[in-house]
Protein backbone atom coordinates (compact mmCIF):
# COMPACT_ATOMS: atom_id res chain seq x y z
CA MET A 1 50.18 -22.85 148.33
CA LEU A 2 52.80 -20.18 147.95
CA ARG A 3 56.41 -20.95 147.08
CA TYR A 4 59.10 -18.65 148.01
CA ILE A 5 62.57 -18.30 147.24
CA THR A 6 64.63 -18.54 150.47
CA ARG A 7 67.70 -16.28 151.14
CA SER A 8 70.15 -16.38 153.56
CA THR A 9 73.60 -14.54 154.49
CA THR A 10 76.52 -16.31 156.23
CA ARG A 11 79.18 -14.27 158.20
CA ASN A 12 82.37 -15.24 160.42
CA GLU A 13 82.74 -14.09 163.98
CA TYR A 14 86.21 -14.27 165.18
CA TYR A 15 86.76 -14.36 169.10
CA THR A 16 89.59 -15.33 171.22
CA ASN A 17 89.64 -18.56 173.20
CA PRO A 18 87.48 -18.38 176.67
CA HIS A 19 90.23 -20.34 178.27
CA LEU A 20 92.10 -17.17 178.54
CA ASP A 21 89.40 -15.38 180.30
CA GLY A 22 90.46 -14.80 184.45
CA LEU A 23 94.13 -15.99 183.78
CA THR A 24 96.96 -13.18 184.41
CA GLY A 25 100.69 -13.47 184.09
CA VAL A 26 102.66 -16.69 183.56
CA GLU A 27 99.49 -18.51 183.67
CA TYR A 28 98.07 -16.40 180.65
CA ARG A 29 101.55 -16.51 178.69
CA ARG A 30 101.52 -19.91 179.35
CA MET A 31 97.78 -21.00 177.99
CA TYR A 32 98.46 -18.36 175.22
CA ARG A 33 101.36 -20.22 174.13
CA TYR A 34 99.63 -23.45 174.53
CA LEU A 35 96.53 -22.48 172.23
CA ASN A 36 98.40 -20.70 169.72
CA SER A 37 100.75 -23.68 169.17
CA ILE A 38 97.63 -26.00 168.48
CA GLY A 39 95.77 -23.48 166.43
CA GLU A 40 93.16 -22.95 168.80
CA LEU A 41 93.99 -19.27 169.86
CA THR A 42 91.38 -17.52 167.69
CA LEU A 43 88.35 -19.50 167.50
CA ILE A 44 85.71 -18.81 164.46
CA ARG A 45 81.83 -19.09 164.96
CA THR A 46 80.07 -19.01 161.38
CA ILE A 47 76.31 -17.63 161.74
CA VAL A 48 73.77 -18.14 159.09
CA GLU A 49 70.92 -15.90 158.94
CA HIS A 50 68.03 -16.16 157.04
CA LEU A 51 66.24 -13.48 155.37
CA PRO A 52 62.84 -12.61 154.53
CA PRO A 53 61.74 -13.80 151.15
CA LYS A 54 61.44 -11.24 148.58
CA TYR A 55 59.40 -13.18 145.88
CA ALA A 56 56.37 -15.41 146.25
CA PHE A 57 54.83 -17.59 143.53
CA ASP A 58 51.40 -19.61 143.46
CA GLU A 59 50.96 -23.29 142.28
CA HIS A 60 51.00 -21.77 138.74
CA GLY A 61 54.68 -20.00 138.92
CA ARG A 62 52.80 -16.67 138.79
CA LEU A 63 54.25 -13.85 140.81
CA THR A 64 51.99 -13.01 144.07
CA HIS A 65 54.03 -11.18 146.20
CA VAL A 66 57.05 -8.70 145.76
CA ASN A 67 58.90 -7.51 149.24
CA LEU A 68 61.89 -5.13 147.73
CA THR A 69 63.77 -2.54 149.75
CA GLU A 70 64.88 0.99 148.68
CA ALA A 71 68.32 -0.68 148.04
CA ASP A 72 66.90 -3.59 145.83
CA ILE A 73 65.19 -1.26 143.71
CA THR A 74 68.20 1.34 143.33
CA ALA A 75 70.15 -1.68 142.32
CA GLN A 76 68.10 -2.83 139.85
CA LEU A 77 67.58 0.55 138.22
CA ASP A 78 71.79 0.90 138.38
CA THR A 79 71.92 -2.38 136.45
CA ILE A 80 69.38 -1.13 133.68
CA THR A 81 70.91 2.04 133.43
CA ASN A 82 74.41 0.96 133.41
CA GLN A 83 75.28 3.07 136.26
CA PRO A 84 77.99 2.14 138.86
């Protein structure tokens, strides 16, 4: 059985409250002020994306699979050679 080092990345999306959609004029301004006063004018959606594993280990802890990108290899070489 292979064991993987799992990775994920989290990002936030900001968007205006959908209650404002379709409103115009006075109705829009009134709802805008209300949502702003209760702190719900801008909503935040947190998205967690699971990334494919880079390394896989067998049951004895030996490395069996490596899935590195060009950026990963470049970053490792820059770290080893002390380049920014």
